[in-house]
Amino acid sequence: MIQTIGLQKSFGDNHVLRGVDLHIERGQIVAIIGPSGSGKSTFLRSLIGLERIDGGTIRIEGEALAEDGRYPKERVCRQVCRGMGMVFQHFNLFPHMSVRGNLTAAPLAAKKLTKDEADAKCADLLARVGLSDKIDAMPSSLSGGQKQRVAIARALMMDPDILLFDEPTSALDPELTGEVLAVMKDLTGTGITMVIVTHEMAFAREVADRVIFMDGGVVAVDGRPEEVFDDPKNERLKAFLRAL
């Protein structure tokens, strides 16, 4: 589903990605952990074209988003990323739209659903995330946990094959984190390929098929949760886990 070869990315003098090689199979749940500044979010954003890499190759479901650091035309990039969705740290809901508007805007425009079809799908997904009563609410009236559940439902409206989560609970109070993690856990049986940047180690241990530890802009460890958490061999990983 996802293949990266030698990803390189710098912001000025800050060399953030230093040769990231990764291969993610269809349906896998992959958790990415690591210290701040290790390149986790930049890597995730590069997979969906929100950051453009300086070098390396990205293939999504066999199609090249970037080849040796070169990108095709914008319409081709959009086509390659058509089966992907992303959930951000800070929700990124449209503040001037109701919950219904946030969920239905993209499928009405891009998937050519009728209004009735989009409304029905919206209602089904809000029920799934426990927010049926908020369908006509404005984002400003929602708690952080509710906003993030709306953001997850919005991503699901596009029927993604791949879902990317960029620290989806980092902006939430601890008591609201559980409700978002419960929704994400419910998605693990759907066949959607999920890549989750997270600081929630217990969640990563429970739901992930693989755990990636990034450090210094590279993949330092790639293994099963029990290998990463119970029997770490990498000294930097040991120090990271001790600090937590």
Protein backbone atom coordinates (compact mmCIF):
# COMPACT_ATOMS: atom_id res chain seq x y z
CA MET A 1 0.00 0.00 0.00
CA ILE A 2 2.80 2.42 0.91
CA GLN A 3 6.44 2.27 -0.11
CA THR A 4 9.08 4.90 0.59
CA ILE A 5 12.69 4.75 -0.54
CA GLY A 6 15.37 7.08 0.76
CA LEU A 7 13.12 10.01 1.68
CA GLN A 8 15.00 13.26 2.24
CA LYS A 9 13.50 16.52 3.49
CA SER A 10 15.09 19.67 4.86
CA PHE A 11 13.68 22.93 6.16
CA GLY A 12 16.56 25.34 5.63
CA ASP A 13 19.50 23.92 7.58
CA ASN A 14 17.28 21.47 9.47
CA HIS A 15 17.66 18.07 7.80
CA VAL A 16 14.43 16.42 9.04
CA LEU A 17 14.24 13.21 6.96
CA ARG A 18 17.55 11.50 6.26
CA GLY A 19 16.69 8.47 4.15
CA VAL A 20 13.41 6.91 5.29
CA ASP A 21 12.79 3.43 3.86
CA LEU A 22 9.46 1.82 4.70
CA HIS A 23 7.05 -0.70 3.21
CA ILE A 24 3.50 -0.99 4.58
CA GLU A 25 1.21 -3.80 3.50
CA ARG A 26 -2.52 -3.58 2.81
CA GLY A 27 -4.59 -3.58 5.99
CA GLN A 28 -1.67 -3.15 8.38
CA ILE A 29 -1.95 -0.92 11.44
CA VAL A 30 1.40 0.82 11.88
CA ALA A 31 2.18 3.04 14.87
CA ILE A 32 5.06 5.52 14.57
CA ILE A 33 6.66 6.65 17.80
CA GLY A 34 9.73 8.69 18.63
CA PRO A 35 10.96 11.92 20.21
CA SER A 36 9.87 15.35 19.07
CA GLY A 37 11.83 16.48 16.03
CA SER A 38 12.53 12.95 14.79
CA GLY A 39 10.61 13.50 11.55
CA LYS A 40 7.40 11.59 12.31
CA SER A 41 4.88 14.23 11.29
CA THR A 42 6.94 15.39 8.32
CA PHE A 43 7.10 11.81 7.09
CA LEU A 44 3.34 11.37 7.48
CA ARG A 45 2.56 14.64 5.70
CA SER A 46 4.86 13.68 2.84
CA LEU A 47 2.84 10.52 2.20
CA ILE A 48 -0.23 12.56 1.26
CA GLY A 49 1.60 15.38 -0.50
CA LEU A 50 1.26 18.05 2.18
CA GLU A 51 5.05 18.25 2.35
CA ARG A 52 7.16 17.83 -0.76
CA ILE A 53 10.28 15.77 -0.29
CA ASP A 54 13.69 16.85 -1.58
CA GLY A 55 14.79 13.35 -2.57
CA GLY A 56 13.59 9.77 -2.61
CA THR A 57 10.54 7.91 -3.86
CA ILE A 58 6.97 7.55 -2.56
CA ARG A 59 4.60 4.99 -4.03
CA ILE A 60 0.96 4.69 -2.95
CA GLU A 61 -0.78 1.48 -4.02
CA GLY A 62 1.95 1.06 -6.64
CA GLU A 63 1.56 4.55 -8.12
CA ALA A 64 4.40 7.07 -7.83
CA LEU A 65 3.61 10.22 -5.88
CA ALA A 66 7.29 11.17 -6.16
CA GLU A 67 10.12 9.46 -8.02
CA ASP A 68 13.70 10.39 -7.11
CA GLY A 69 12.40 13.62 -5.60
CA ARG A 70 10.43 14.62 -8.71
CA TYR A 71 6.66 15.04 -8.69
CA PRO A 72 4.22 14.61 -11.59
CA LYS A 73 1.59 17.21 -12.45
CA GLU A 74 -0.73 18.29 -9.66
CA ARG A 75 -3.74 16.43 -11.07
CA VAL A 76 -1.68 13.22 -11.09
CA CYS A 77 -0.66 13.79 -7.46
CA ARG A 78 -4.31 14.23 -6.51
CA GLN A 79 -5.17 11.03 -8.34
CA VAL A 80 -2.44 9.07 -6.52
CA CYS A 81 -3.67 10.35 -3.15
CA ARG A 82 -7.36 9.85 -3.93
CA GLY A 83 -7.68 6.84 -1.62
CA MET A 84 -6.05 8.50 1.39
CA GLY A 85 -7.44 10.45 4.32
CA MET A 86 -5.72 12.28 7.15
CA VAL A 87 -6.69 13.27 10.69
CA PHE A 88 -4.66 16.12 12.17
CA GLN A 89 -3.61 17.16 15.68
CA HIS A 90 -5.79 20.25 15.69
CA PHE A 91 -8.89 18.90 13.92
CA ASN A 92 -8.83 21.37 10.97
CA LEU A 93 -12.63 21.55 10.82
CA PHE A 94 -14.13 24.35 8.74
CA PRO A 95 -15.34 26.75 11.47
CA HIS A 96 -18.03 28.35 9.27
CA MET A 97 -19.69 25.01 8.45
CA SER A 98 -21.88 22.82 10.61
CA VAL A 99 -20.82 19.26 11.38
CA ARG A 100 -23.04 18.14 8.49
CA GLY A 101 -21.35 20.65 6.17
CA ASN A 102 -17.88 19.53 7.23
CA LEU A 103 -18.71 15.91 6.43
CA THR A 104 -20.63 16.37 3.19
CA ALA A 105 -18.67 19.13 1.39
CA ALA A 106 -15.95 16.90 -0.08
CA PRO A 107 -18.08 13.91 -1.15
CA LEU A 108 -20.64 16.22 -2.76
CA ALA A 109 -17.87 17.86 -4.79
CA ALA A 110 -15.47 14.99 -5.44
CA LYS A 111 -17.56 11.82 -5.31
CA LYS A 112 -20.63 13.36 -6.96
CA LEU A 113 -23.00 12.05 -4.29
CA THR A 114 -26.49 13.48 -4.20
CA LYS A 115 -27.39 15.57 -1.17
CA ASP A 116 -29.63 12.79 0.16
CA GLU A 117 -26.86 10.21 -0.28
CA ALA A 118 -24.31 12.44 1.45
CA ASP A 119 -26.70 13.24 4.31
CA ALA A 120 -27.47 9.55 4.85
CA LYS A 121 -23.79 8.63 4.90
CA CYS A 122 -23.07 11.56 7.23
CA ALA A 123 -25.74 10.36 9.67
CA ASP A 124 -24.40 6.79 9.60
CA LEU A 125 -20.83 7.86 10.32
CA LEU A 126 -21.80 10.28 13.08
CA ALA A 127 -23.74 7.44 14.71
CA ARG A 128 -20.61 5.32 14.45
CA VAL A 129 -18.52 7.89 16.33
CA GLY A 130 -21.28 8.58 18.86
CA LEU A 131 -22.25 12.07 17.68
CA SER A 132 -25.65 11.69 16.03
CA ASP A 133 -27.03 14.57 18.08
CA LYS A 134 -24.33 16.97 16.82
CA ILE A 135 -25.13 16.79 13.11
CA ASP A 136 -26.24 20.43 12.91
CA ALA A 137 -23.89 21.78 15.59
CA MET A 138 -21.12 24.26 14.78
CA PRO A 139 -17.53 23.27 15.58
CA SER A 140 -17.21 26.08 18.12
CA SER A 141 -19.81 24.36 20.31
CA LEU A 142 -17.94 21.03 20.46
CA SER A 143 -15.35 19.75 22.90
CA GLY A 144 -11.91 18.82 21.63
CA GLY A 145 -12.75 15.13 21.72
CA GLN A 146 -15.96 15.71 19.79
CA LYS A 147 -14.13 17.79 17.17
CA GLN A 148 -11.61 15.00 16.65
CA ARG A 149 -14.34 12.38 16.29
CA VAL A 150 -16.01 14.61 13.70
CA ALA A 151 -12.64 14.86 11.91
CA ILE A 152 -12.38 11.07 11.82
CA ALA A 153 -15.92 10.76 10.47
CA ARG A 154 -15.12 13.39 7.83
CA ALA A 155 -12.10 11.38 6.68
CA LEU A 156 -14.25 8.24 6.47
CA MET A 157 -16.79 10.01 4.25
CA MET A 158 -14.35 9.59 1.33
CA ASP A 159 -14.09 5.78 1.76
CA PRO A 160 -10.30 5.83 2.17
CA ASP A 161 -8.10 2.79 1.68
CA ILE A 162 -5.44 4.45 3.83
CA LEU A 163 -5.93 6.65 6.92
CA LEU A 164 -3.10 8.73 8.36
CA PHE A 165 -3.32 10.02 11.95
CA ASP A 166 -0.92 12.75 13.07
CA GLU A 167 -0.88 12.64 16.88
CA PRO A 168 -4.70 12.79 16.98
CA THR A 169 -4.93 13.02 20.78
CA SER A 170 -2.04 15.38 21.53
CA ALA A 171 -4.29 18.46 21.72
CA LEU A 172 -6.83 16.78 24.02
CA ASP A 173 -7.26 16.66 27.77
CA PRO A 174 -6.56 13.17 29.17
CA GLU A 175 -10.24 12.48 29.86
CA LEU A 176 -11.13 13.19 26.22
CA THR A 177 -8.31 11.08 24.79
CA GLY A 178 -10.06 7.79 25.54
CA GLU A 179 -13.15 8.56 23.47
CA VAL A 180 -11.02 9.29 20.39
CA LEU A 181 -8.82 6.22 20.86
CA ALA A 182 -11.96 4.07 21.20
CA VAL A 183 -13.18 5.27 17.78
CA MET A 184 -9.78 4.59 16.24
CA LYS A 185 -9.66 1.13 17.80
CA ASP A 186 -13.06 0.40 16.27
CA LEU A 187 -11.59 1.11 12.83
CA THR A 188 -8.90 -1.56 13.14
CA GLY A 189 -11.26 -4.31 11.98
CA THR A 190 -12.34 -2.55 8.79
CA GLY A 191 -9.42 -3.43 6.51
CA ILE A 192 -8.32 0.19 6.22
CA THR A 193 -4.53 0.58 6.25
CA MET A 194 -3.71 2.91 9.16
CA VAL A 195 -0.50 4.80 9.92
CA ILE A 196 -0.64 6.47 13.31
CA VAL A 197 1.89 8.90 14.74
CA THR A 198 1.21 8.75 18.46
CA HIS A 199 2.57 9.28 21.97
CA GLU A 200 -0.01 6.85 23.38
CA MET A 201 2.25 3.85 23.99
CA ALA A 202 -0.44 1.61 25.51
CA PHE A 203 -2.67 2.23 22.49
CA ALA A 204 0.18 1.50 20.08
CA ARG A 205 0.96 -1.74 21.91
CA GLU A 206 -2.69 -2.83 21.81
CA VAL A 207 -3.77 -2.04 18.25
CA ALA A 208 -0.65 -1.93 16.05
CA ASP A 209 0.65 -4.79 13.92
CA ARG A 210 4.00 -2.97 13.70
CA VAL A 211 5.64 -0.21 15.68
CA ILE A 212 8.15 2.10 13.99
CA PHE A 213 10.59 4.05 16.16
CA MET A 214 11.96 7.10 14.35
CA ASP A 215 14.99 8.96 15.59
CA GLY A 216 17.14 11.55 13.86
CA GLY A 217 15.12 11.43 10.66
CA VAL A 218 15.45 7.68 10.03
CA VAL A 219 13.63 4.47 10.93
CA ALA A 220 15.72 3.23 13.85
CA VAL A 221 13.51 0.27 14.84
CA ASP A 222 10.74 -1.60 13.00
CA GLY A 223 9.14 -4.52 14.81
CA ARG A 224 6.16 -6.14 16.45
CA PRO A 225 4.80 -4.31 19.52
CA GLU A 226 6.13 -6.94 21.92
CA GLU A 227 9.61 -6.64 20.39
CA VAL A 228 9.63 -2.87 20.58
CA PHE A 229 8.14 -2.44 24.05
CA ASP A 230 9.10 -5.60 25.93
CA ASP A 231 12.53 -6.43 24.52
CA PRO A 232 14.06 -3.34 22.92
CA LYS A 233 17.60 -3.78 21.61
CA ASN A 234 18.20 -0.23 20.34
CA GLU A 235 19.80 1.95 23.04
CA ARG A 236 18.08 5.12 21.86
CA LEU A 237 14.71 3.35 21.99
CA LYS A 238 15.45 2.12 25.51
CA ALA A 239 16.20 5.68 26.62
CA PHE A 240 13.02 6.96 24.94
CA LEU A 241 10.84 4.37 26.67
CA ARG A 242 12.50 4.97 30.04
CA ALA A 243 11.73 8.68 29.74
CA LEU A 244 8.05 7.87 29.28
